[in-house]
Every structure is written in C-alpha cells, then in structure tokens.
Amino acid sequence: SETKWNVGCGSKVMFWEDGWKDDGVSLMKYPRLYHTSQQKYQYIQQLGMTSNGGWEWKLQRRRFLLEAEIDMATKLMEDIEGLIVQTQRQDNWVWQGDSSGTYTVGNAYMLLDRDS
C-alpha cells in the first residue's frame, strides 16, 4: 500500500486492526493476543492515557497469558513502545509515493509507470 496512518491523537486509528506501525502490518500479526484482548475494534486513544508527559498503555485481557504467549506479549510491547500519542494533533493518511507525503495525480502516475 502506498498510504499509511500518521498517528496523532489516535482517535481514528484502530489499535489492532489498522496497519499504523511503520511496517504497515496490523497488530493482528499476534492472533493469540488479539483473541484474548478485551479491546477489539477500539481506537488507539481508547487503549491508554497520557501520563507524566508520555503515553501509558492500558491493555486489557479476558484471561491471564499462557506461558507460550508471554514472549508474544513482550514483542507486542516492543512494537508499540515508540508510539508518541499527541493529543493536540489529528490522525491523518500519508501518501508514501512521494517524499512530501502529499498525494497528487502526477505522483500516482509516476508510481504506476515505474511499476510497469
């Protein structure tokens, strides 16, 4: 995909289901953790809060993690630890087909022409 979410306040980006990380892959790549989550289909801003100038995650599960899931949970936390939620900024889409992040018909045409 040539677009990705640029997370601001997290009010439009679904935590599990949207591919908001730099790699564009959704966090559903951790299906066992997704299955145990009590927070499916919720936005990023619903899964944490601002605390001491940073973001603190408040992930809730339906049950305790099994031993085999603990490594997955550690990897999930490593995946999301660098996110900076900015409550004063809106989420928006960024076009990756151009370094400016702005979509234009010309950029799209050059991208299509390059791929053919």
PDB file of N, CA and C in Angstrom:
ATOM      1  N   SER A   1       0.834  -1.185   0.000  1.00  0.00           N
ATOM      2  CA  SER A   1       0.000   0.000   0.000  1.00  0.00           C
ATOM      3  C   SER A   1       0.879   1.249   0.000  1.00  0.00           C
ATOM      4  N   GLU A   2       0.435   2.250  -0.688  1.00  0.00           N
ATOM      5  CA  GLU A   2       1.191   3.494  -0.769  1.00  0.00           C
ATOM      6  C   GLU A   2       0.729   4.524   0.250  1.00  0.00           C
ATOM      7  N   THR A   3      -0.223   4.151   1.101  1.00  0.00           N
ATOM      8  CA  THR A   3      -0.672   5.051   2.154  1.00  0.00           C
ATOM      9  C   THR A   3      -0.455   4.384   3.507  1.00  0.00           C
ATOM     10  N   LYS A   4      -0.301   5.229   4.528  1.00  0.00           N
ATOM     11  CA  LYS A   4      -0.199   4.710   5.888  1.00  0.00           C
ATOM     12  C   LYS A   4      -0.752   5.755   6.846  1.00  0.00           C
ATOM     13  N   TRP A   5      -1.117   5.291   8.007  1.00  0.00           N
ATOM     14  CA  TRP A   5      -1.605   6.199   9.034  1.00  0.00           C
ATOM     15  C   TRP A   5      -0.433   6.935   9.671  1.00  0.00           C
ATOM     16  N   ASN A   6      -0.616   8.217   9.878  1.00  0.00           N
ATOM     17  CA  ASN A   6       0.280   9.025  10.680  1.00  0.00           C
ATOM     18  C   ASN A   6      -0.492   9.302  11.976  1.00  0.00           C
ATOM     19  N   VAL A   7      -0.106   8.636  13.042  1.00  0.00           N
ATOM     20  CA  VAL A   7      -0.867   8.704  14.293  1.00  0.00           C
ATOM     21  C   VAL A   7      -0.598  10.015  15.011  1.00  0.00           C
ATOM     22  N   GLY A   8      -1.685  10.700  15.346  1.00  0.00           N
ATOM     23  CA  GLY A   8      -1.621  11.900  16.167  1.00  0.00           C
ATOM     24  C   GLY A   8      -2.218  11.568  17.522  1.00  0.00           C
ATOM     25  N   CYS A   9      -3.526  11.845  17.672  1.00  0.00           N
ATOM     26  CA  CYS A   9      -4.206  11.592  18.937  1.00  0.00           C
ATOM     27  C   CYS A   9      -4.746  10.168  19.040  1.00  0.00           C
ATOM     28  N   GLY A  10      -4.761   9.433  17.942  1.00  0.00           N
ATOM     29  CA  GLY A  10      -5.222   8.046  17.966  1.00  0.00           C
ATOM     30  C   GLY A  10      -6.733   7.886  17.954  1.00  0.00           C
ATOM     31  N   SER A  11      -7.466   8.923  17.539  1.00  0.00           N
ATOM     32  CA  SER A  11      -8.928   8.871  17.561  1.00  0.00           C
ATOM     33  C   SER A  11      -9.537   8.217  16.314  1.00  0.00           C
ATOM     34  N   LYS A  12      -8.754   8.015  15.260  1.00  0.00           N
ATOM     35  CA  LYS A  12      -9.270   7.436  14.014  1.00  0.00           C
ATOM     36  C   LYS A  12      -8.605   6.110  13.663  1.00  0.00           C
ATOM     37  N   VAL A  13      -7.571   5.747  14.393  1.00  0.00           N
ATOM     38  CA  VAL A  13      -6.771   4.574  14.046  1.00  0.00           C
ATOM     39  C   VAL A  13      -7.086   3.434  15.011  1.00  0.00           C
ATOM     40  N   MET A  14      -7.551   2.326  14.453  1.00  0.00           N
ATOM     41  CA  MET A  14      -7.871   1.163  15.290  1.00  0.00           C
ATOM     42  C   MET A  14      -6.580   0.463  15.701  1.00  0.00           C
ATOM     43  N   PHE A  15      -6.435   0.225  17.002  1.00  0.00           N
ATOM     44  CA  PHE A  15      -5.209  -0.323  17.561  1.00  0.00           C
ATOM     45  C   PHE A  15      -4.828  -1.658  16.935  1.00  0.00           C
ATOM     46  N   TRP A  16      -5.695  -2.632  16.969  1.00  0.00           N
ATOM     47  CA  TRP A  16      -5.357  -3.972  16.482  1.00  0.00           C
ATOM     48  C   TRP A  16      -5.497  -4.102  14.973  1.00  0.00           C
ATOM     49  N   GLU A  17      -6.545  -3.523  14.411  1.00  0.00           N
ATOM     50  CA  GLU A  17      -6.951  -3.839  13.043  1.00  0.00           C
ATOM     51  C   GLU A  17      -6.262  -3.011  11.958  1.00  0.00           C
ATOM     52  N   ASP A  18      -5.858  -1.787  12.247  1.00  0.00           N
ATOM     53  CA  ASP A  18      -5.217  -0.930  11.239  1.00  0.00           C
ATOM     54  C   ASP A  18      -3.697  -1.123  11.244  1.00  0.00           C
ATOM     55  N   GLY A  19      -3.103  -1.021  10.072  1.00  0.00           N
ATOM     56  CA  GLY A  19      -1.644  -1.119   9.949  1.00  0.00           C
ATOM     57  C   GLY A  19      -0.981   0.222  10.174  1.00  0.00           C
ATOM     58  N   TRP A  20      -0.923   0.667  11.407  1.00  0.00           N
ATOM     59  CA  TRP A  20      -0.434   2.008  11.731  1.00  0.00           C
ATOM     60  C   TRP A  20       1.049   2.065  12.052  1.00  0.00           C
ATOM     61  N   LYS A  21       1.689   0.937  12.259  1.00  0.00           N
ATOM     62  CA  LYS A  21       3.138   0.928  12.525  1.00  0.00           C
ATOM     63  C   LYS A  21       3.894   1.231  11.235  1.00  0.00           C
ATOM     64  N   ASP A  22       5.180   1.557  11.354  1.00  0.00           N
ATOM     65  CA  ASP A  22       5.980   1.916  10.180  1.00  0.00           C
ATOM     66  C   ASP A  22       5.986   0.839   9.106  1.00  0.00           C
ATOM     67  N   ASP A  23       5.906  -0.434   9.519  1.00  0.00           N
ATOM     68  CA  ASP A  23       5.924  -1.521   8.544  1.00  0.00           C
ATOM     69  C   ASP A  23       4.568  -1.721   7.859  1.00  0.00           C
ATOM     70  N   GLY A  24       3.520  -1.034   8.328  1.00  0.00           N
ATOM     71  CA  GLY A  24       2.195  -1.126   7.719  1.00  0.00           C
ATOM     72  C   GLY A  24       1.431  -2.395   8.056  1.00  0.00           C
ATOM     73  N   VAL A  25       1.993  -3.246   8.890  1.00  0.00           N
ATOM     74  CA  VAL A  25       1.352  -4.509   9.257  1.00  0.00           C
ATOM     75  C   VAL A  25       0.527  -4.296  10.519  1.00  0.00           C
ATOM     76  N   SER A  26      -0.703  -4.799  10.520  1.00  0.00           N
ATOM     77  CA  SER A  26      -1.550  -4.631  11.702  1.00  0.00           C
ATOM     78  C   SER A  26      -1.036  -5.501  12.844  1.00  0.00           C
ATOM     79  N   LEU A  27      -1.432  -5.150  14.042  1.00  0.00           N
ATOM     80  CA  LEU A  27      -1.024  -5.917  15.219  1.00  0.00           C
ATOM     81  C   LEU A  27      -1.770  -7.243  15.326  1.00  0.00           C
ATOM     82  N   MET A  28      -2.648  -7.518  14.372  1.00  0.00           N
ATOM     83  CA  MET A  28      -3.300  -8.821  14.318  1.00  0.00           C
ATOM     84  C   MET A  28      -2.305  -9.902  13.895  1.00  0.00           C
ATOM     85  N   LYS A  29      -1.052  -9.492  13.664  1.00  0.00           N
ATOM     86  CA  LYS A  29       0.004 -10.476  13.425  1.00  0.00           C
ATOM     87  C   LYS A  29       0.276 -11.267  14.703  1.00  0.00           C
ATOM     88  N   TYR A  30      -0.342 -10.847  15.799  1.00  0.00           N
ATOM     89  CA  TYR A  30      -0.305 -11.575  17.077  1.00  0.00           C
ATOM     90  C   TYR A  30      -1.709 -12.124  17.351  1.00  0.00           C
ATOM     91  N   PRO A  31      -2.145 -13.127  16.573  1.00  0.00           N
ATOM     92  CA  PRO A  31      -3.546 -13.570  16.669  1.00  0.00           C
ATOM     93  C   PRO A  31      -3.956 -14.090  18.048  1.00  0.00           C
ATOM     94  N   ARG A  32      -3.064 -14.740  18.749  1.00  0.00           N
ATOM     95  CA  ARG A  32      -3.433 -15.248  20.072  1.00  0.00           C
ATOM     96  C   ARG A  32      -3.660 -14.108  21.049  1.00  0.00           C
ATOM     97  N   LEU A  33      -2.854 -13.058  20.948  1.00  0.00           N
ATOM     98  CA  LEU A  33      -3.040 -11.900  21.831  1.00  0.00           C
ATOM     99  C   LEU A  33      -4.310 -11.141  21.456  1.00  0.00           C
ATOM    100  N   TYR A  34      -4.569 -11.052  20.157  1.00  0.00           N
ATOM    101  CA  TYR A  34      -5.801 -10.399  19.690  1.00  0.00           C
ATOM    102  C   TYR A  34      -7.014 -11.148  20.242  1.00  0.00           C
ATOM    103  N   HIS A  35      -6.961 -12.460  20.178  1.00  0.00           N
ATOM    104  CA  HIS A  35      -8.079 -13.281  20.649  1.00  0.00           C
ATOM    105  C   HIS A  35      -8.359 -13.073  22.140  1.00  0.00           C
ATOM    106  N   THR A  36      -7.323 -12.857  22.929  1.00  0.00           N
ATOM    107  CA  THR A  36      -7.504 -12.686  24.373  1.00  0.00           C
ATOM    108  C   THR A  36      -7.827 -11.245  24.769  1.00  0.00           C
ATOM    109  N   SER A  37      -7.735 -10.306  23.820  1.00  0.00           N
ATOM    110  CA  SER A  37      -7.952  -8.891  24.135  1.00  0.00           C
ATOM    111  C   SER A  37      -9.425  -8.597  24.430  1.00  0.00           C
ATOM    112  N   GLN A  38      -9.651  -7.731  25.388  1.00  0.00           N
ATOM    113  CA  GLN A  38     -10.998  -7.206  25.666  1.00  0.00           C
ATOM    114  C   GLN A  38     -11.229  -5.914  24.888  1.00  0.00           C
ATOM    115  N   GLN A  39     -10.268  -5.512  24.067  1.00  0.00           N
ATOM    116  CA  GLN A  39     -10.326  -4.207  23.417  1.00  0.00           C
ATOM    117  C   GLN A  39     -10.274  -4.309  21.896  1.00  0.00           C
ATOM    118  N   LYS A  40     -10.954  -5.272  21.338  1.00  0.00           N
ATOM    119  CA  LYS A  40     -11.017  -5.388  19.878  1.00  0.00           C
ATOM    120  C   LYS A  40     -11.841  -4.236  19.324  1.00  0.00           C
ATOM    121  N   TYR A  41     -11.508  -3.818  18.114  1.00  0.00           N
ATOM    122  CA  TYR A  41     -12.231  -2.750  17.402  1.00  0.00           C
ATOM    123  C   TYR A  41     -12.280  -1.450  18.197  1.00  0.00           C
ATOM    124  N   GLN A  42     -11.177  -1.132  18.863  1.00  0.00           N
ATOM    125  CA  GLN A  42     -11.091   0.140  19.579  1.00  0.00           C
ATOM    126  C   GLN A  42      -9.932   0.962  19.025  1.00  0.00           C
ATOM    127  N   TYR A  43     -10.067   2.263  19.178  1.00  0.00           N
ATOM    128  CA  TYR A  43      -9.054   3.184  18.681  1.00  0.00           C
ATOM    129  C   TYR A  43      -7.879   3.276  19.647  1.00  0.00           C
ATOM    130  N   ILE A  44      -6.735   3.678  19.129  1.00  0.00           N
ATOM    131  CA  ILE A  44      -5.522   3.784  19.934  1.00  0.00           C
ATOM    132  C   ILE A  44      -5.775   4.594  21.206  1.00  0.00           C
ATOM    133  N   GLN A  45      -6.463   5.731  21.075  1.00  0.00           N
ATOM    134  CA  GLN A  45      -6.674   6.597  22.233  1.00  0.00           C
ATOM    135  C   GLN A  45      -7.503   5.925  23.339  1.00  0.00           C
ATOM    136  N   GLN A  46      -8.234   4.865  23.009  1.00  0.00           N
ATOM    137  CA  GLN A  46      -9.037   4.159  23.993  1.00  0.00           C
ATOM    138  C   GLN A  46      -8.215   3.130  24.778  1.00  0.00           C
ATOM    139  N   LEU A  47      -6.992   2.867  24.351  1.00  0.00           N
ATOM    140  CA  LEU A  47      -6.181   1.819  24.970  1.00  0.00           C
ATOM    141  C   LEU A  47      -5.048   2.361  25.825  1.00  0.00           C
ATOM    142  N   GLY A  48      -5.110   3.624  26.164  1.00  0.00           N
ATOM    143  CA  GLY A  48      -4.070   4.195  27.005  1.00  0.00           C
ATOM    144  C   GLY A  48      -4.429   5.582  27.451  1.00  0.00           C
ATOM    145  N   MET A  49      -3.441   6.233  28.075  1.00  0.00           N
ATOM    146  CA  MET A  49      -3.661   7.596  28.542  1.00  0.00           C
ATOM    147  C   MET A  49      -2.327   8.329  28.668  1.00  0.00           C
ATOM    148  N   THR A  50      -2.395   9.638  28.631  1.00  0.00           N
ATOM    149  CA  THR A  50      -1.207  10.452  28.825  1.00  0.00           C
ATOM    150  C   THR A  50      -0.849  10.422  30.304  1.00  0.00           C
ATOM    151  N   SER A  51       0.436  10.183  30.567  1.00  0.00           N
ATOM    152  CA  SER A  51       0.892  10.103  31.951  1.00  0.00           C
ATOM    153  C   SER A  51       2.330  10.606  32.038  1.00  0.00           C
ATOM    154  N   ASN A  52       2.577  11.583  32.879  1.00  0.00           N
ATOM    155  CA  ASN A  52       3.923  12.155  33.059  1.00  0.00           C
ATOM    156  C   ASN A  52       4.571  12.556  31.742  1.00  0.00           C
ATOM    157  N   GLY A  53       3.806  13.175  30.870  1.00  0.00           N
ATOM    158  CA  GLY A  53       4.329  13.662  29.600  1.00  0.00           C
ATOM    159  C   GLY A  53       4.529  12.589  28.546  1.00  0.00           C
ATOM    160  N   GLY A  54       4.172  11.343  28.835  1.00  0.00           N
ATOM    161  CA  GLY A  54       4.299  10.253  27.881  1.00  0.00           C
ATOM    162  C   GLY A  54       2.979   9.518  27.744  1.00  0.00           C
ATOM    163  N   TRP A  55       3.003   8.413  27.046  1.00  0.00           N
ATOM    164  CA  TRP A  55       1.807   7.606  26.825  1.00  0.00           C
ATOM    165  C   TRP A  55       1.929   6.310  27.608  1.00  0.00           C
ATOM    166  N   GLU A  56       0.892   5.961  28.324  1.00  0.00           N
ATOM    167  CA  GLU A  56       0.870   4.728  29.101  1.00  0.00           C
ATOM    168  C   GLU A  56      -0.239   3.820  28.563  1.00  0.00           C
ATOM    169  N   TRP A  57       0.148   2.634  28.125  1.00  0.00           N
ATOM    170  CA  TRP A  57      -0.810   1.671  27.588  1.00  0.00           C
ATOM    171  C   TRP A  57      -1.602   1.027  28.711  1.00  0.00           C
ATOM    172  N   LYS A  58      -2.891   0.795  28.459  1.00  0.00           N
ATOM    173  CA  LYS A  58      -3.793   0.124  29.405  1.00  0.00           C
ATOM    174  C   LYS A  58      -4.478  -1.030  28.663  1.00  0.00           C
ATOM    175  N   LEU A  59      -3.677  -2.040  28.307  1.00  0.00           N
ATOM    176  CA  LEU A  59      -4.211  -3.180  27.571  1.00  0.00           C
ATOM    177  C   LEU A  59      -4.912  -4.129  28.538  1.00  0.00           C
ATOM    178  N   GLN A  60      -6.094  -4.587  28.138  1.00  0.00           N
ATOM    179  CA  GLN A  60      -6.889  -5.465  28.994  1.00  0.00           C
ATOM    180  C   GLN A  60      -7.124  -6.799  28.295  1.00  0.00           C
ATOM    181  N   ARG A  61      -7.020  -7.861  29.036  1.00  0.00           N
ATOM    182  CA  ARG A  61      -7.176  -9.218  28.512  1.00  0.00           C
ATOM    183  C   ARG A  61      -8.350  -9.932  29.180  1.00  0.00           C
ATOM    184  N   ARG A  62      -8.899 -10.903  28.471  1.00  0.00           N
ATOM    185  CA  ARG A  62     -10.006 -11.703  29.015  1.00  0.00           C
ATOM    186  C   ARG A  62      -9.512 -12.735  30.022  1.00  0.00           C
ATOM    187  N   ARG A  63      -8.216 -13.036  29.969  1.00  0.00           N
ATOM    188  CA  ARG A  63      -7.643 -14.042  30.862  1.00  0.00           C
ATOM    189  C   ARG A  63      -6.160 -13.761  31.023  1.00  0.00           C
ATOM    190  N   PHE A  64      -5.531 -14.457  31.958  1.00  0.00           N
ATOM    191  CA  PHE A  64      -4.085 -14.362  32.111  1.00  0.00           C
ATOM    192  C   PHE A  64      -3.417 -14.984  30.896  1.00  0.00           C
ATOM    193  N   LEU A  65      -2.235 -14.498  30.563  1.00  0.00           N
ATOM    194  CA  LEU A  65      -1.493 -15.056  29.438  1.00  0.00           C
ATOM    195  C   LEU A  65      -0.942 -16.429  29.792  1.00  0.00           C
ATOM    196  N   LEU A  66      -0.963 -17.313  28.813  1.00  0.00           N
ATOM    197  CA  LEU A  66      -0.317 -18.606  28.960  1.00  0.00           C
ATOM    198  C   LEU A  66       1.179 -18.409  28.786  1.00  0.00           C
ATOM    199  N   GLU A  67       1.954 -19.346  29.254  1.00  0.00           N
ATOM    200  CA  GLU A  67       3.413 -19.215  29.172  1.00  0.00           C
ATOM    201  C   GLU A  67       3.887 -18.990  27.733  1.00  0.00           C
ATOM    202  N   ALA A  68       3.277 -19.682  26.787  1.00  0.00           N
ATOM    203  CA  ALA A  68       3.674 -19.552  25.374  1.00  0.00           C
ATOM    204  C   ALA A  68       3.335 -18.167  24.805  1.00  0.00           C
ATOM    205  N   GLU A  69       2.449 -17.425  25.462  1.00  0.00           N
ATOM    206  CA  GLU A  69       2.030 -16.112  24.957  1.00  0.00           C
ATOM    207  C   GLU A  69       2.855 -14.959  25.537  1.00  0.00           C
ATOM    208  N   ILE A  70       3.621 -15.224  26.552  1.00  0.00           N
ATOM    209  CA  ILE A  70       4.380 -14.156  27.218  1.00  0.00           C
ATOM    210  C   ILE A  70       5.417 -13.546  26.279  1.00  0.00           C
ATOM    211  N   ASP A  71       6.136 -14.370  25.497  1.00  0.00           N
ATOM    212  CA  ASP A  71       7.103 -13.836  24.524  1.00  0.00           C
ATOM    213  C   ASP A  71       6.404 -12.980  23.475  1.00  0.00           C
ATOM    214  N   MET A  72       5.217 -13.432  23.027  1.00  0.00           N
ATOM    215  CA  MET A  72       4.448 -12.648  22.055  1.00  0.00           C
ATOM    216  C   MET A  72       4.068 -11.294  22.641  1.00  0.00           C
ATOM    217  N   ALA A  73       3.650 -11.289  23.902  1.00  0.00           N
ATOM    218  CA  ALA A  73       3.254 -10.035  24.552  1.00  0.00           C
ATOM    219  C   ALA A  73       4.449  -9.094  24.682  1.00  0.00           C
ATOM    220  N   THR A  74       5.618  -9.650  24.952  1.00  0.00           N
ATOM    221  CA  THR A  74       6.834  -8.836  25.027  1.00  0.00           C
ATOM    222  C   THR A  74       7.131  -8.214  23.669  1.00  0.00           C
ATOM    223  N   LYS A  75       7.009  -9.001  22.599  1.00  0.00           N
ATOM    224  CA  LYS A  75       7.246  -8.475  21.244  1.00  0.00           C
ATOM    225  C   LYS A  75       6.219  -7.412  20.876  1.00  0.00           C
ATOM    226  N   LEU A  76       4.967  -7.628  21.262  1.00  0.00           N
ATOM    227  CA  LEU A  76       3.927  -6.627  21.018  1.00  0.00           C
ATOM    228  C   LEU A  76       4.293  -5.316  21.709  1.00  0.00           C
ATOM    229  N   MET A  77       4.704  -5.386  22.957  1.00  0.00           N
ATOM    230  CA  MET A  77       5.059  -4.166  23.689  1.00  0.00           C
ATOM    231  C   MET A  77       6.266  -3.477  23.061  1.00  0.00           C
ATOM    232  N   GLU A  78       7.219  -4.245  22.554  1.00  0.00           N
ATOM    233  CA  GLU A  78       8.356  -3.650  21.849  1.00  0.00           C
ATOM    234  C   GLU A  78       7.888  -2.963  20.568  1.00  0.00           C
ATOM    235  N   ASP A  79       6.896  -3.553  19.891  1.00  0.00           N
ATOM    236  CA  ASP A  79       6.356  -2.962  18.666  1.00  0.00           C
ATOM    237  C   ASP A  79       5.687  -1.614  18.912  1.00  0.00           C
ATOM    238  N   ILE A  80       5.031  -1.469  20.044  1.00  0.00           N
ATOM    239  CA  ILE A  80       4.242  -0.254  20.282  1.00  0.00           C
ATOM    240  C   ILE A  80       4.906   0.752  21.207  1.00  0.00           C
ATOM    241  N   GLU A  81       6.061   0.404  21.779  1.00  0.00           N
ATOM    242  CA  GLU A  81       6.662   1.285  22.782  1.00  0.00           C
ATOM    243  C   GLU A  81       7.091   2.640  22.240  1.00  0.00           C
ATOM    244  N   GLY A  82       7.413   2.748  20.968  1.00  0.00           N
ATOM    245  CA  GLY A  82       7.901   4.016  20.434  1.00  0.00           C
ATOM    246  C   GLY A  82       6.814   4.980  19.993  1.00  0.00           C
ATOM    247  N   LEU A  83       5.560   4.569  20.055  1.00  0.00           N
ATOM    248  CA  LEU A  83       4.476   5.440  19.594  1.00  0.00           C
ATOM    249  C   LEU A  83       4.326   6.631  20.520  1.00  0.00           C
ATOM    250  N   ILE A  84       4.278   7.805  19.921  1.00  0.00           N
ATOM    251  CA  ILE A  84       4.033   9.026  20.679  1.00  0.00           C
ATOM    252  C   ILE A  84       2.638   9.514  20.302  1.00  0.00           C
ATOM    253  N   VAL A  85       1.717   9.421  21.241  1.00  0.00           N
ATOM    254  CA  VAL A  85       0.354   9.902  21.020  1.00  0.00           C
ATOM    255  C   VAL A  85       0.337  11.386  21.350  1.00  0.00           C
ATOM    256  N   GLN A  86      -0.103  12.174  20.376  1.00  0.00           N
ATOM    257  CA  GLN A  86      -0.119  13.633  20.521  1.00  0.00           C
ATOM    258  C   GLN A  86      -1.571  14.093  20.554  1.00  0.00           C
ATOM    259  N   THR A  87      -2.071  14.343  21.731  1.00  0.00           N
ATOM    260  CA  THR A  87      -3.494  14.629  21.910  1.00  0.00           C
ATOM    261  C   THR A  87      -3.968  15.864  21.148  1.00  0.00           C
ATOM    262  N   GLN A  88      -3.082  16.785  20.814  1.00  0.00           N
ATOM    263  CA  GLN A  88      -3.470  18.015  20.121  1.00  0.00           C
ATOM    264  C   GLN A  88      -3.428  17.887  18.594  1.00  0.00           C
ATOM    265  N   ARG A  89      -3.006  16.724  18.078  1.00  0.00           N
ATOM    266  CA  ARG A  89      -2.865  16.553  16.630  1.00  0.00           C
ATOM    267  C   ARG A  89      -3.791  15.456  16.126  1.00  0.00           C
ATOM    268  N   GLN A  90      -4.425  15.674  14.975  1.00  0.00           N
ATOM    269  CA  GLN A  90      -5.324  14.688  14.384  1.00  0.00           C
ATOM    270  C   GLN A  90      -4.537  13.589  13.670  1.00  0.00           C
ATOM    271  N   ASP A  91      -5.119  12.396  13.603  1.00  0.00           N
ATOM    272  CA  ASP A  91      -4.568  11.318  12.777  1.00  0.00           C
ATOM    273  C   ASP A  91      -4.815  11.687  11.316  1.00  0.00           C
ATOM    274  N   ASN A  92      -3.906  11.275  10.444  1.00  0.00           N
ATOM    275  CA  ASN A  92      -4.128  11.522   9.020  1.00  0.00           C
ATOM    276  C   ASN A  92      -3.399  10.472   8.178  1.00  0.00           C
ATOM    277  N   TRP A  93      -3.854  10.351   6.950  1.00  0.00           N
ATOM    278  CA  TRP A  93      -3.222   9.447   5.998  1.00  0.00           C
ATOM    279  C   TRP A  93      -2.030  10.144   5.356  1.00  0.00           C
ATOM    280  N   VAL A  94      -0.962   9.388   5.113  1.00  0.00           N
ATOM    281  CA  VAL A  94       0.221   9.912   4.435  1.00  0.00           C
ATOM    282  C   VAL A  94       0.429   9.089   3.166  1.00  0.00           C
ATOM    283  N   TRP A  95       0.656   9.761   2.072  1.00  0.00           N
ATOM    284  CA  TRP A  95       0.939   9.127   0.784  1.00  0.00           C
ATOM    285  C   TRP A  95       2.431   8.836   0.724  1.00  0.00           C
ATOM    286  N   GLN A  96       2.785   7.558   0.582  1.00  0.00           N
ATOM    287  CA  GLN A  96       4.186   7.163   0.584  1.00  0.00           C
ATOM    288  C   GLN A  96       4.802   7.165  -0.819  1.00  0.00           C
ATOM    289  N   GLY A  97       3.997   7.489  -1.814  1.00  0.00           N
ATOM    290  CA  GLY A  97       4.504   7.517  -3.187  1.00  0.00           C
ATOM    291  C   GLY A  97       5.340   8.746  -3.490  1.00  0.00           C
ATOM    292  N   ASP A  98       5.420   9.685  -2.539  1.00  0.00           N
ATOM    293  CA  ASP A  98       6.202  10.903  -2.726  1.00  0.00           C
ATOM    294  C   ASP A  98       6.799  11.312  -1.385  1.00  0.00           C
ATOM    295  N   SER A  99       7.997  11.845  -1.405  1.00  0.00           N
ATOM    296  CA  SER A  99       8.685  12.200  -0.163  1.00  0.00           C
ATOM    297  C   SER A  99       7.959  13.289   0.632  1.00  0.00           C
ATOM    298  N   SER A 100       7.118  14.095  -0.033  1.00  0.00           N
ATOM    299  CA  SER A 100       6.378  15.141   0.683  1.00  0.00           C
ATOM    300  C   SER A 100       5.215  14.574   1.480  1.00  0.00           C
ATOM    301  N   GLY A 101       4.791  13.347   1.165  1.00  0.00           N
ATOM    302  CA  GLY A 101       3.648  12.741   1.845  1.00  0.00           C
ATOM    303  C   GLY A 101       2.313  13.184   1.302  1.00  0.00           C
ATOM    304  N   THR A 102       2.336  13.985   0.235  1.00  0.00           N
ATOM    305  CA  THR A 102       1.114  14.516  -0.358  1.00  0.00           C
ATOM    306  C   THR A 102       0.785  13.759  -1.639  1.00  0.00           C
ATOM    307  N   TYR A 103      -0.472  13.362  -1.774  1.00  0.00           N
ATOM    308  CA  TYR A 103      -0.920  12.659  -2.971  1.00  0.00           C
ATOM    309  C   TYR A 103      -1.209  13.655  -4.081  1.00  0.00           C
ATOM    310  N   THR A 104      -0.699  13.353  -5.262  1.00  0.00           N
ATOM    311  CA  THR A 104      -1.082  14.085  -6.473  1.00  0.00           C
ATOM    312  C   THR A 104      -1.275  13.054  -7.573  1.00  0.00           C
ATOM    313  N   VAL A 105      -2.056  13.408  -8.571  1.00  0.00           N
ATOM    314  CA  VAL A 105      -2.266  12.503  -9.705  1.00  0.00           C
ATOM    315  C   VAL A 105      -0.936  12.232 -10.396  1.00  0.00           C
ATOM    316  N   GLY A 106      -0.096  13.253 -10.507  1.00  0.00           N
ATOM    317  CA  GLY A 106       1.215  13.076 -11.141  1.00  0.00           C
ATOM    318  C   GLY A 106       2.082  12.066 -10.395  1.00  0.00           C
ATOM    319  N   ASN A 107       2.086  12.137  -9.049  1.00  0.00           N
ATOM    320  CA  ASN A 107       2.844  11.165  -8.257  1.00  0.00           C
ATOM    321  C   ASN A 107       2.323   9.760  -8.475  1.00  0.00           C
ATOM    322  N   ALA A 108       1.002   9.620  -8.491  1.00  0.00           N
ATOM    323  CA  ALA A 108       0.406   8.301  -8.690  1.00  0.00           C
ATOM    324  C   ALA A 108       0.749   7.765 -10.065  1.00  0.00           C
ATOM    325  N   TYR A 109       0.696   8.622 -11.089  1.00  0.00           N
ATOM    326  CA  TYR A 109       1.027   8.199 -12.449  1.00  0.00           C
ATOM    327  C   TYR A 109       2.490   7.741 -12.524  1.00  0.00           C
ATOM    328  N   MET A 110       3.392   8.517 -11.924  1.00  0.00           N
ATOM    329  CA  MET A 110       4.821   8.121 -11.947  1.00  0.00           C
ATOM    330  C   MET A 110       5.019   6.797 -11.233  1.00  0.00           C
ATOM    331  N   LEU A 111       4.318   6.590 -10.148  1.00  0.00           N
ATOM    332  CA  LEU A 111       4.423   5.330  -9.416  1.00  0.00           C
ATOM    333  C   LEU A 111       3.934   4.164 -10.256  1.00  0.00           C
ATOM    334  N   LEU A 112       2.800   4.340 -10.926  1.00  0.00           N
ATOM    335  CA  LEU A 112       2.269   3.289 -11.796  1.00  0.00           C
ATOM    336  C   LEU A 112       3.176   3.040 -12.987  1.00  0.00           C
ATOM    337  N   ASP A 113       3.712   4.109 -13.564  1.00  0.00           N
ATOM    338  CA  ASP A 113       4.606   3.993 -14.716  1.00  0.00           C
ATOM    339  C   ASP A 113       5.904   3.277 -14.322  1.00  0.00           C
ATOM    340  N   ARG A 114       6.401   3.560 -13.118  1.00  0.00           N
ATOM    341  CA  ARG A 114       7.622   2.915 -12.624  1.00  0.00           C
ATOM    342  C   ARG A 114       7.422   1.420 -12.425  1.00  0.00           C
ATOM    343  N   ASP A 115       6.216   1.021 -11.966  1.00  0.00           N
ATOM    344  CA  ASP A 115       5.938  -0.387 -11.674  1.00  0.00           C
ATOM    345  C   ASP A 115       5.599  -1.204 -12.914  1.00  0.00           C
ATOM    346  N   SER A 116       5.385  -0.556 -14.046  1.00  0.00           N
ATOM    347  CA  SER A 116       5.008  -1.329 -15.250  1.00  0.00           C
ATOM    348  C   SER A 116       6.197  -1.729 -16.081  1.00  0.00           C
TER     349      SER A 116
END
